[in-house]
């Protein structure tokens, strides 16, 4: 409970604009969770994921990449590859790698995310459509326009939904 309270305090400090204190508290939470569960645990992955996200927002991409990868490994081991939390971490890692210009890695991960979220939530779920859009955007940035176009057209069609062509 105390570690969750520290996590909440870190989130509050971030919302108040104190990123230095937010990072200090998040690192403290990660350190304590890692000592509590030295072999890994979903709570450690949660702390890793949150710290990685904060670092990503602050532009510390290399460290965020490493932390997301570690969180992903733990979540795969403990929760399985198809769990929503595992896929969320994979999605964040895909987006980060896209931002880092590691497009080939990003598109592979984004496709994996889309496949998993479509299976878990259905193809028309907002997360599935977001992942599909990510695949199309990355393919486009790779210059693979013939692959990107049908993917992006599918995302548009799903987002328009039953309202028809004239909507949105």
N, C-alpha and C. Protein backbone atom coordinates (compact mmCIF):
# COMPACT_ATOMS: atom_id res chain seq x y z
N UNK A 1 0.83 -1.20 0.00
CA UNK A 1 0.00 0.00 0.00
C UNK A 1 0.87 1.26 0.00
N UNK A 2 1.96 1.21 0.77
CA UNK A 2 2.84 2.38 0.84
C UNK A 2 3.46 2.66 -0.53
N UNK A 3 3.83 1.62 -1.27
CA UNK A 3 4.43 1.82 -2.58
C UNK A 3 3.41 2.37 -3.58
N UNK A 4 2.17 1.96 -3.46
CA UNK A 4 1.14 2.52 -4.34
C UNK A 4 0.90 3.99 -3.98
N UNK A 5 0.98 4.32 -2.71
CA UNK A 5 0.84 5.71 -2.30
C UNK A 5 1.99 6.55 -2.84
N UNK A 6 3.21 6.00 -2.80
CA UNK A 6 4.36 6.71 -3.38
C UNK A 6 4.18 6.88 -4.89
N UNK A 7 3.66 5.85 -5.54
CA UNK A 7 3.37 5.95 -6.98
C UNK A 7 2.38 7.08 -7.23
N UNK A 8 1.31 7.14 -6.43
CA UNK A 8 0.30 8.18 -6.61
C UNK A 8 0.88 9.57 -6.35
N UNK A 9 1.76 9.67 -5.36
CA UNK A 9 2.42 10.94 -5.08
C UNK A 9 3.31 11.35 -6.26
N UNK A 10 4.00 10.39 -6.86
CA UNK A 10 4.83 10.68 -8.03
C UNK A 10 3.96 11.21 -9.17
N UNK A 11 2.81 10.59 -9.38
CA UNK A 11 1.89 11.05 -10.42
C UNK A 11 1.41 12.47 -10.14
N UNK A 12 1.10 12.74 -8.89
CA UNK A 12 0.67 14.08 -8.50
C UNK A 12 1.76 15.11 -8.76
N UNK A 13 2.98 14.77 -8.37
CA UNK A 13 4.10 15.70 -8.58
C UNK A 13 4.31 15.97 -10.07
N UNK A 14 4.15 14.96 -10.88
CA UNK A 14 4.25 15.15 -12.32
C UNK A 14 3.15 16.07 -12.84
N UNK A 15 1.93 15.86 -12.37
CA UNK A 15 0.81 16.70 -12.79
C UNK A 15 1.01 18.14 -12.35
N UNK A 16 1.75 18.33 -11.27
CA UNK A 16 2.04 19.67 -10.78
C UNK A 16 3.25 20.29 -11.47
N UNK A 17 3.87 19.53 -12.37
CA UNK A 17 4.99 20.06 -13.13
C UNK A 17 6.36 19.82 -12.54
N UNK A 18 6.43 19.05 -11.48
CA UNK A 18 7.74 18.78 -10.84
C UNK A 18 8.26 17.42 -11.32
N UNK A 19 8.84 17.42 -12.53
CA UNK A 19 9.32 16.17 -13.11
C UNK A 19 10.51 15.59 -12.35
N UNK A 20 11.31 16.44 -11.75
CA UNK A 20 12.46 15.95 -10.98
C UNK A 20 11.98 15.11 -9.80
N UNK A 21 11.00 15.61 -9.08
CA UNK A 21 10.47 14.87 -7.93
C UNK A 21 9.69 13.65 -8.40
N UNK A 22 8.98 13.79 -9.50
CA UNK A 22 8.25 12.64 -10.06
C UNK A 22 9.22 11.50 -10.35
N UNK A 23 10.31 11.81 -11.04
CA UNK A 23 11.29 10.78 -11.37
C UNK A 23 11.94 10.20 -10.12
N UNK A 24 12.26 11.04 -9.15
CA UNK A 24 12.88 10.56 -7.91
C UNK A 24 11.96 9.57 -7.22
N UNK A 25 10.68 9.91 -7.12
CA UNK A 25 9.72 9.02 -6.46
C UNK A 25 9.49 7.75 -7.27
N UNK A 26 9.41 7.86 -8.58
CA UNK A 26 9.21 6.66 -9.40
C UNK A 26 10.41 5.72 -9.30
N UNK A 27 11.60 6.28 -9.26
CA UNK A 27 12.80 5.44 -9.10
C UNK A 27 12.81 4.78 -7.73
N UNK A 28 12.33 5.48 -6.72
CA UNK A 28 12.24 4.91 -5.38
C UNK A 28 11.27 3.74 -5.36
N UNK A 29 10.13 3.93 -6.00
CA UNK A 29 9.13 2.85 -6.07
C UNK A 29 9.72 1.65 -6.79
N UNK A 30 10.37 1.87 -7.91
CA UNK A 30 10.98 0.77 -8.67
C UNK A 30 12.04 0.06 -7.83
N UNK A 31 12.89 0.81 -7.17
CA UNK A 31 13.92 0.21 -6.34
C UNK A 31 13.32 -0.67 -5.24
N UNK A 32 12.32 -0.16 -4.57
CA UNK A 32 11.70 -0.92 -3.46
C UNK A 32 10.92 -2.13 -3.96
N UNK A 33 10.23 -1.97 -5.07
CA UNK A 33 9.52 -3.14 -5.63
C UNK A 33 10.51 -4.20 -6.10
N UNK A 34 11.62 -3.76 -6.68
CA UNK A 34 12.64 -4.72 -7.15
C UNK A 34 13.29 -5.46 -5.99
N UNK A 35 13.46 -4.78 -4.87
CA UNK A 35 14.01 -5.46 -3.68
C UNK A 35 12.99 -6.40 -3.07
N UNK A 36 11.73 -6.03 -3.14
CA UNK A 36 10.66 -6.87 -2.60
C UNK A 36 10.47 -8.13 -3.45
N UNK A 37 10.63 -7.98 -4.76
CA UNK A 37 10.45 -9.08 -5.71
C UNK A 37 11.69 -9.20 -6.59
N UNK A 38 12.78 -9.74 -6.07
CA UNK A 38 14.03 -9.78 -6.84
C UNK A 38 13.96 -10.63 -8.11
N UNK A 39 13.04 -11.55 -8.20
CA UNK A 39 12.92 -12.40 -9.38
C UNK A 39 11.96 -11.86 -10.42
N UNK A 40 11.49 -10.64 -10.21
CA UNK A 40 10.50 -10.06 -11.12
C UNK A 40 9.10 -10.33 -10.61
N UNK A 41 8.18 -9.48 -11.00
CA UNK A 41 6.79 -9.57 -10.55
C UNK A 41 6.00 -8.53 -11.34
N UNK A 42 4.70 -8.73 -11.53
CA UNK A 42 3.91 -7.71 -12.23
C UNK A 42 4.00 -6.31 -11.59
N UNK A 43 4.18 -6.25 -10.27
CA UNK A 43 4.33 -4.95 -9.62
C UNK A 43 5.62 -4.26 -10.03
N UNK A 44 6.67 -5.03 -10.26
CA UNK A 44 7.93 -4.47 -10.75
C UNK A 44 7.73 -3.98 -12.18
N UNK A 45 7.04 -4.77 -12.99
CA UNK A 45 6.78 -4.37 -14.37
C UNK A 45 5.95 -3.09 -14.41
N UNK A 46 4.99 -2.95 -13.52
CA UNK A 46 4.17 -1.74 -13.42
C UNK A 46 5.05 -0.53 -13.15
N UNK A 47 5.97 -0.66 -12.20
CA UNK A 47 6.87 0.44 -11.86
C UNK A 47 7.81 0.76 -13.02
N UNK A 48 8.33 -0.27 -13.68
CA UNK A 48 9.20 -0.07 -14.84
C UNK A 48 8.45 0.66 -15.95
N UNK A 49 7.23 0.20 -16.23
CA UNK A 49 6.42 0.79 -17.30
C UNK A 49 6.15 2.27 -17.02
N UNK A 50 5.77 2.59 -15.79
CA UNK A 50 5.46 3.97 -15.45
C UNK A 50 6.68 4.88 -15.53
N UNK A 51 7.81 4.40 -15.04
CA UNK A 51 9.04 5.18 -15.12
C UNK A 51 9.44 5.37 -16.58
N UNK A 52 9.32 4.31 -17.37
CA UNK A 52 9.66 4.40 -18.80
C UNK A 52 8.80 5.45 -19.49
N UNK A 53 7.52 5.47 -19.19
CA UNK A 53 6.62 6.44 -19.81
C UNK A 53 7.03 7.87 -19.45
N UNK A 54 7.33 8.09 -18.19
CA UNK A 54 7.75 9.42 -17.75
C UNK A 54 9.02 9.85 -18.46
N UNK A 55 9.98 8.93 -18.56
CA UNK A 55 11.23 9.23 -19.25
C UNK A 55 10.99 9.50 -20.73
N UNK A 56 10.09 8.74 -21.34
CA UNK A 56 9.76 8.95 -22.75
C UNK A 56 9.20 10.35 -22.96
N UNK A 57 8.26 10.75 -22.12
CA UNK A 57 7.66 12.07 -22.23
C UNK A 57 8.72 13.16 -22.09
N UNK A 58 9.72 12.90 -21.27
CA UNK A 58 10.78 13.87 -21.04
C UNK A 58 11.90 13.79 -22.09
N UNK A 59 11.77 12.85 -23.05
CA UNK A 59 12.74 12.76 -24.13
C UNK A 59 13.93 11.87 -23.86
N UNK A 60 13.94 11.15 -22.75
CA UNK A 60 15.03 10.23 -22.42
C UNK A 60 14.73 8.87 -23.05
N UNK A 61 14.78 8.83 -24.37
CA UNK A 61 14.33 7.67 -25.12
C UNK A 61 15.14 6.40 -24.86
N UNK A 62 16.45 6.51 -24.79
CA UNK A 62 17.27 5.30 -24.63
C UNK A 62 16.96 4.60 -23.31
N UNK A 63 16.87 5.35 -22.23
CA UNK A 63 16.55 4.73 -20.94
C UNK A 63 15.13 4.20 -20.93
N UNK A 64 14.20 4.95 -21.52
CA UNK A 64 12.81 4.49 -21.59
C UNK A 64 12.72 3.17 -22.36
N UNK A 65 13.45 3.06 -23.46
CA UNK A 65 13.45 1.84 -24.27
C UNK A 65 13.89 0.65 -23.43
N UNK A 66 14.96 0.82 -22.69
CA UNK A 66 15.48 -0.26 -21.85
C UNK A 66 14.47 -0.68 -20.78
N UNK A 67 13.82 0.30 -20.16
CA UNK A 67 12.85 -0.01 -19.11
C UNK A 67 11.59 -0.66 -19.66
N UNK A 68 11.10 -0.17 -20.81
CA UNK A 68 9.94 -0.82 -21.44
C UNK A 68 10.27 -2.27 -21.78
N UNK A 69 11.46 -2.49 -22.34
CA UNK A 69 11.85 -3.86 -22.71
C UNK A 69 11.89 -4.77 -21.49
N UNK A 70 12.39 -4.25 -20.38
CA UNK A 70 12.44 -5.05 -19.15
C UNK A 70 11.03 -5.32 -18.63
N UNK A 71 10.18 -4.30 -18.64
CA UNK A 71 8.79 -4.48 -18.21
C UNK A 71 8.08 -5.49 -19.09
N UNK A 72 8.33 -5.42 -20.39
CA UNK A 72 7.70 -6.35 -21.33
C UNK A 72 8.12 -7.79 -21.04
N UNK A 73 9.38 -8.00 -20.78
CA UNK A 73 9.86 -9.36 -20.47
C UNK A 73 9.19 -9.90 -19.22
N UNK A 74 9.09 -9.08 -18.20
CA UNK A 74 8.45 -9.52 -16.95
C UNK A 74 6.98 -9.82 -17.19
N UNK A 75 6.29 -8.93 -17.88
CA UNK A 75 4.86 -9.14 -18.13
C UNK A 75 4.62 -10.39 -18.99
N UNK A 76 5.47 -10.62 -19.97
CA UNK A 76 5.31 -11.84 -20.76
C UNK A 76 5.48 -13.08 -19.89
N UNK A 77 6.48 -13.06 -19.00
CA UNK A 77 6.73 -14.20 -18.12
C UNK A 77 5.59 -14.43 -17.13
N UNK A 78 5.09 -13.37 -16.53
CA UNK A 78 4.11 -13.49 -15.45
C UNK A 78 2.68 -13.50 -15.94
N UNK A 79 2.38 -12.69 -16.96
CA UNK A 79 0.99 -12.53 -17.39
C UNK A 79 0.69 -13.22 -18.71
N UNK A 80 1.74 -13.52 -19.47
CA UNK A 80 1.58 -14.15 -20.78
C UNK A 80 1.63 -13.10 -21.88
N UNK A 81 1.91 -13.56 -23.09
CA UNK A 81 2.09 -12.62 -24.20
C UNK A 81 0.81 -11.94 -24.68
N UNK A 82 -0.35 -12.53 -24.37
CA UNK A 82 -1.61 -11.98 -24.86
C UNK A 82 -2.36 -11.12 -23.84
N UNK A 83 -1.80 -10.96 -22.66
CA UNK A 83 -2.46 -10.16 -21.63
C UNK A 83 -2.50 -8.70 -22.07
N UNK A 84 -3.56 -7.99 -21.70
CA UNK A 84 -3.72 -6.60 -22.10
C UNK A 84 -2.57 -5.71 -21.59
N UNK A 85 -2.10 -5.94 -20.37
CA UNK A 85 -0.99 -5.14 -19.85
C UNK A 85 0.30 -5.42 -20.62
N UNK A 86 0.51 -6.66 -20.99
CA UNK A 86 1.69 -7.00 -21.80
C UNK A 86 1.62 -6.29 -23.14
N UNK A 87 0.46 -6.33 -23.77
CA UNK A 87 0.29 -5.70 -25.07
C UNK A 87 0.39 -4.18 -24.97
N UNK A 88 -0.07 -3.60 -23.88
CA UNK A 88 0.06 -2.16 -23.68
C UNK A 88 1.54 -1.77 -23.62
N UNK A 89 2.34 -2.55 -22.92
CA UNK A 89 3.77 -2.25 -22.86
C UNK A 89 4.41 -2.42 -24.23
N UNK A 90 4.03 -3.46 -24.96
CA UNK A 90 4.55 -3.65 -26.31
C UNK A 90 4.16 -2.47 -27.20
N UNK A 91 2.94 -1.98 -27.05
CA UNK A 91 2.49 -0.82 -27.83
C UNK A 91 3.35 0.40 -27.51
N UNK A 92 3.57 0.66 -26.24
CA UNK A 92 4.39 1.81 -25.86
C UNK A 92 5.80 1.68 -26.40
N UNK A 93 6.33 0.48 -26.38
CA UNK A 93 7.66 0.24 -26.92
C UNK A 93 7.68 0.48 -28.43
N UNK A 94 6.64 0.04 -29.13
CA UNK A 94 6.55 0.26 -30.58
C UNK A 94 6.51 1.75 -30.90
N UNK A 95 5.70 2.49 -30.17
CA UNK A 95 5.59 3.94 -30.40
C UNK A 95 6.91 4.63 -30.09
N UNK A 96 7.55 4.24 -29.01
CA UNK A 96 8.85 4.82 -28.66
C UNK A 96 9.87 4.55 -29.76
N UNK A 97 9.92 3.33 -30.24
CA UNK A 97 10.89 2.99 -31.28
C UNK A 97 10.57 3.75 -32.58
N UNK A 98 9.30 4.00 -32.83
CA UNK A 98 8.92 4.85 -33.96
C UNK A 98 9.51 6.25 -33.77
N UNK A 99 9.33 6.80 -32.59
CA UNK A 99 9.87 8.14 -32.29
C UNK A 99 11.40 8.17 -32.39
N UNK A 100 12.03 7.05 -32.08
CA UNK A 100 13.49 6.97 -32.13
C UNK A 100 14.00 6.76 -33.56
N UNK A 101 13.08 6.55 -34.50
CA UNK A 101 13.47 6.31 -35.88
C UNK A 101 13.82 4.86 -36.18
N UNK A 102 13.52 3.98 -35.25
CA UNK A 102 13.78 2.55 -35.43
C UNK A 102 12.53 1.92 -36.05
N UNK A 103 12.26 2.32 -37.29
CA UNK A 103 10.98 2.03 -37.93
C UNK A 103 10.75 0.55 -38.21
N UNK A 104 11.79 -0.18 -38.58
CA UNK A 104 11.62 -1.61 -38.88
C UNK A 104 11.19 -2.36 -37.63
N UNK A 105 11.82 -2.07 -36.50
CA UNK A 105 11.42 -2.68 -35.23
C UNK A 105 10.01 -2.23 -34.83
N UNK A 106 9.74 -0.95 -35.05
CA UNK A 106 8.45 -0.39 -34.66
C UNK A 106 7.30 -1.04 -35.41
N UNK A 107 7.46 -1.25 -36.72
CA UNK A 107 6.35 -1.81 -37.49
C UNK A 107 6.09 -3.27 -37.11
N UNK A 108 7.14 -4.01 -36.82
CA UNK A 108 6.96 -5.40 -36.38
C UNK A 108 6.17 -5.43 -35.08
N UNK A 109 6.57 -4.59 -34.14
CA UNK A 109 5.88 -4.55 -32.84
C UNK A 109 4.45 -4.04 -33.00
N UNK A 110 4.25 -3.02 -33.82
CA UNK A 110 2.90 -2.46 -34.01
C UNK A 110 1.96 -3.49 -34.63
N UNK A 111 2.47 -4.28 -35.57
CA UNK A 111 1.63 -5.34 -36.16
C UNK A 111 1.26 -6.38 -35.10
N UNK A 112 2.21 -6.71 -34.27
CA UNK A 112 1.96 -7.67 -33.18
C UNK A 112 0.88 -7.11 -32.24
N UNK A 113 1.01 -5.85 -31.90
CA UNK A 113 0.02 -5.20 -31.02
C UNK A 113 -1.36 -5.24 -31.66
N UNK A 114 -1.43 -4.87 -32.94
CA UNK A 114 -2.73 -4.88 -33.62
C UNK A 114 -3.36 -6.26 -33.62
N UNK A 115 -2.57 -7.27 -33.93
CA UNK A 115 -3.08 -8.64 -33.96
C UNK A 115 -3.59 -9.06 -32.58
N UNK A 116 -2.83 -8.75 -31.54
CA UNK A 116 -3.22 -9.16 -30.18
C UNK A 116 -4.46 -8.40 -29.70
N UNK A 117 -4.47 -7.08 -29.89
CA UNK A 117 -5.63 -6.31 -29.43
C UNK A 117 -6.88 -6.66 -30.24
N UNK A 118 -6.73 -6.95 -31.53
CA UNK A 118 -7.89 -7.35 -32.33
C UNK A 118 -8.46 -8.66 -31.82
N UNK A 119 -7.57 -9.57 -31.46
CA UNK A 119 -8.02 -10.86 -30.93
C UNK A 119 -8.65 -10.69 -29.55
N UNK A 120 -8.06 -9.82 -28.74
CA UNK A 120 -8.52 -9.63 -27.36
C UNK A 120 -9.80 -8.80 -27.28
N UNK A 121 -9.86 -7.71 -28.05
CA UNK A 121 -10.96 -6.75 -27.92
C UNK A 121 -11.89 -6.70 -29.13
N UNK A 122 -11.46 -7.26 -30.25
CA UNK A 122 -12.21 -7.14 -31.49
C UNK A 122 -11.56 -6.09 -32.39
N UNK A 123 -11.74 -6.26 -33.69
CA UNK A 123 -11.07 -5.40 -34.67
C UNK A 123 -11.53 -3.95 -34.60
N UNK A 124 -12.74 -3.71 -34.13
CA UNK A 124 -13.27 -2.34 -34.12
C UNK A 124 -13.08 -1.62 -32.80
N UNK A 125 -12.45 -2.25 -31.85
CA UNK A 125 -12.16 -1.61 -30.56
C UNK A 125 -11.19 -0.45 -30.79
N UNK A 126 -11.35 0.65 -30.06
CA UNK A 126 -10.45 1.80 -30.25
C UNK A 126 -8.96 1.47 -30.15
N UNK A 127 -8.59 0.56 -29.27
CA UNK A 127 -7.18 0.18 -29.17
C UNK A 127 -6.71 -0.54 -30.44
N UNK A 128 -7.55 -1.41 -30.95
CA UNK A 128 -7.20 -2.15 -32.18
C UNK A 128 -7.06 -1.20 -33.35
N UNK A 129 -7.96 -0.24 -33.46
CA UNK A 129 -7.91 0.72 -34.56
C UNK A 129 -6.69 1.62 -34.42
N UNK A 130 -6.38 2.03 -33.19
CA UNK A 130 -5.19 2.85 -32.96
C UNK A 130 -3.94 2.09 -33.40
N UNK A 131 -3.87 0.82 -33.06
CA UNK A 131 -2.72 0.01 -33.46
C UNK A 131 -2.66 -0.15 -34.97
N UNK A 132 -3.81 -0.33 -35.61
CA UNK A 132 -3.85 -0.43 -37.07
C UNK A 132 -3.35 0.87 -37.70
N UNK A 133 -3.80 1.99 -37.17
CA UNK A 133 -3.33 3.29 -37.65
C UNK A 133 -1.82 3.42 -37.48
N UNK A 134 -1.29 2.96 -36.35
CA UNK A 134 0.16 3.01 -36.12
C UNK A 134 0.90 2.20 -37.18
N UNK A 135 0.38 1.02 -37.50
CA UNK A 135 1.01 0.19 -38.52
C UNK A 135 1.06 0.96 -39.84
N UNK A 136 -0.07 1.54 -40.24
CA UNK A 136 -0.12 2.28 -41.49
C UNK A 136 0.82 3.47 -41.51
N UNK A 137 0.89 4.21 -40.42
CA UNK A 137 1.77 5.38 -40.35
C UNK A 137 3.23 4.97 -40.46
N UNK A 138 3.60 3.91 -39.78
CA UNK A 138 5.00 3.46 -39.83
C UNK A 138 5.35 2.95 -41.21
N UNK A 139 4.45 2.16 -41.81
CA UNK A 139 4.69 1.69 -43.18
C UNK A 139 4.87 2.87 -44.14
N UNK A 140 4.05 3.89 -43.96
CA UNK A 140 4.17 5.07 -44.80
C UNK A 140 5.52 5.75 -44.61
N UNK A 141 5.95 5.89 -43.36
CA UNK A 141 7.26 6.50 -43.10
C UNK A 141 8.41 5.66 -43.63
N UNK A 142 8.18 4.36 -43.74
CA UNK A 142 9.19 3.48 -44.33
C UNK A 142 9.19 3.58 -45.86
N UNK A 143 8.23 4.30 -46.43
CA UNK A 143 8.12 4.42 -47.88
C UNK A 143 7.40 3.25 -48.52
N UNK A 144 6.75 2.44 -47.70
CA UNK A 144 6.04 1.26 -48.20
C UNK A 144 4.57 1.63 -48.42
N UNK A 145 4.37 2.55 -49.36
CA UNK A 145 3.07 3.18 -49.56
C UNK A 145 1.99 2.20 -50.00
N UNK A 146 2.35 1.25 -50.84
CA UNK A 146 1.34 0.29 -51.32
C UNK A 146 0.84 -0.59 -50.19
N UNK A 147 1.67 -0.84 -49.20
CA UNK A 147 1.23 -1.60 -48.01
C UNK A 147 0.46 -0.70 -47.06
N UNK A 148 0.90 0.54 -46.94
CA UNK A 148 0.31 1.47 -45.96
C UNK A 148 -1.12 1.86 -46.33
N UNK A 149 -1.36 2.08 -47.62
CA UNK A 149 -2.67 2.62 -48.01
C UNK A 149 -3.85 1.74 -47.60
N UNK A 150 -3.86 0.44 -47.90
CA UNK A 150 -5.03 -0.35 -47.49
C UNK A 150 -5.17 -0.43 -45.96
N UNK A 151 -4.06 -0.40 -45.25
CA UNK A 151 -4.11 -0.44 -43.78
C UNK A 151 -4.78 0.83 -43.26
N UNK A 152 -4.35 1.98 -43.78
CA UNK A 152 -4.93 3.25 -43.32
C UNK A 152 -6.38 3.40 -43.78
N UNK A 153 -6.69 2.92 -44.99
CA UNK A 153 -8.08 2.97 -45.45
C UNK A 153 -8.98 2.11 -44.55
N UNK A 154 -8.46 0.97 -44.11
CA UNK A 154 -9.22 0.10 -43.19
C UNK A 154 -9.46 0.82 -41.86
N UNK A 155 -8.45 1.49 -41.36
CA UNK A 155 -8.60 2.23 -40.10
C UNK A 155 -9.65 3.33 -40.24
N UNK A 156 -9.62 4.04 -41.37
CA UNK A 156 -10.61 5.10 -41.62
C UNK A 156 -12.01 4.49 -41.69
N UNK A 157 -12.14 3.40 -42.40
CA UNK A 157 -13.46 2.76 -42.55
C UNK A 157 -14.01 2.32 -41.20
N UNK A 158 -13.17 1.77 -40.35
CA UNK A 158 -13.64 1.33 -39.04
C UNK A 158 -14.03 2.55 -38.21
N UNK A 159 -13.23 3.60 -38.26
CA UNK A 159 -13.54 4.78 -37.46
C UNK A 159 -14.81 5.48 -37.94
N UNK A 160 -15.07 5.43 -39.23
CA UNK A 160 -16.31 6.03 -39.73
C UNK A 160 -17.50 5.20 -39.28
N UNK A 161 -17.31 3.91 -39.22
CA UNK A 161 -18.35 3.02 -38.72
C UNK A 161 -19.62 3.08 -39.51
N UNK A 162 -20.74 2.82 -38.84
CA UNK A 162 -22.03 2.72 -39.52
C UNK A 162 -22.57 4.08 -39.99
N UNK A 163 -21.88 5.18 -39.67
CA UNK A 163 -22.38 6.50 -40.05
C UNK A 163 -22.20 6.75 -41.56
N UNK A 164 -21.36 5.99 -42.20
CA UNK A 164 -21.22 6.11 -43.65
C UNK A 164 -20.11 7.04 -44.09
N UNK A 165 -19.95 7.13 -45.38
CA UNK A 165 -18.86 7.89 -45.99
C UNK A 165 -18.93 9.38 -45.71
N UNK A 166 -20.10 9.92 -45.56
CA UNK A 166 -20.22 11.36 -45.40
C UNK A 166 -19.96 11.87 -43.99
N UNK A 167 -19.73 10.98 -43.05
CA UNK A 167 -19.57 11.37 -41.65
C UNK A 167 -18.09 11.48 -41.31
N UNK A 168 -17.74 12.42 -40.46
CA UNK A 168 -16.43 12.53 -39.88
C UNK A 168 -15.42 13.01 -40.82
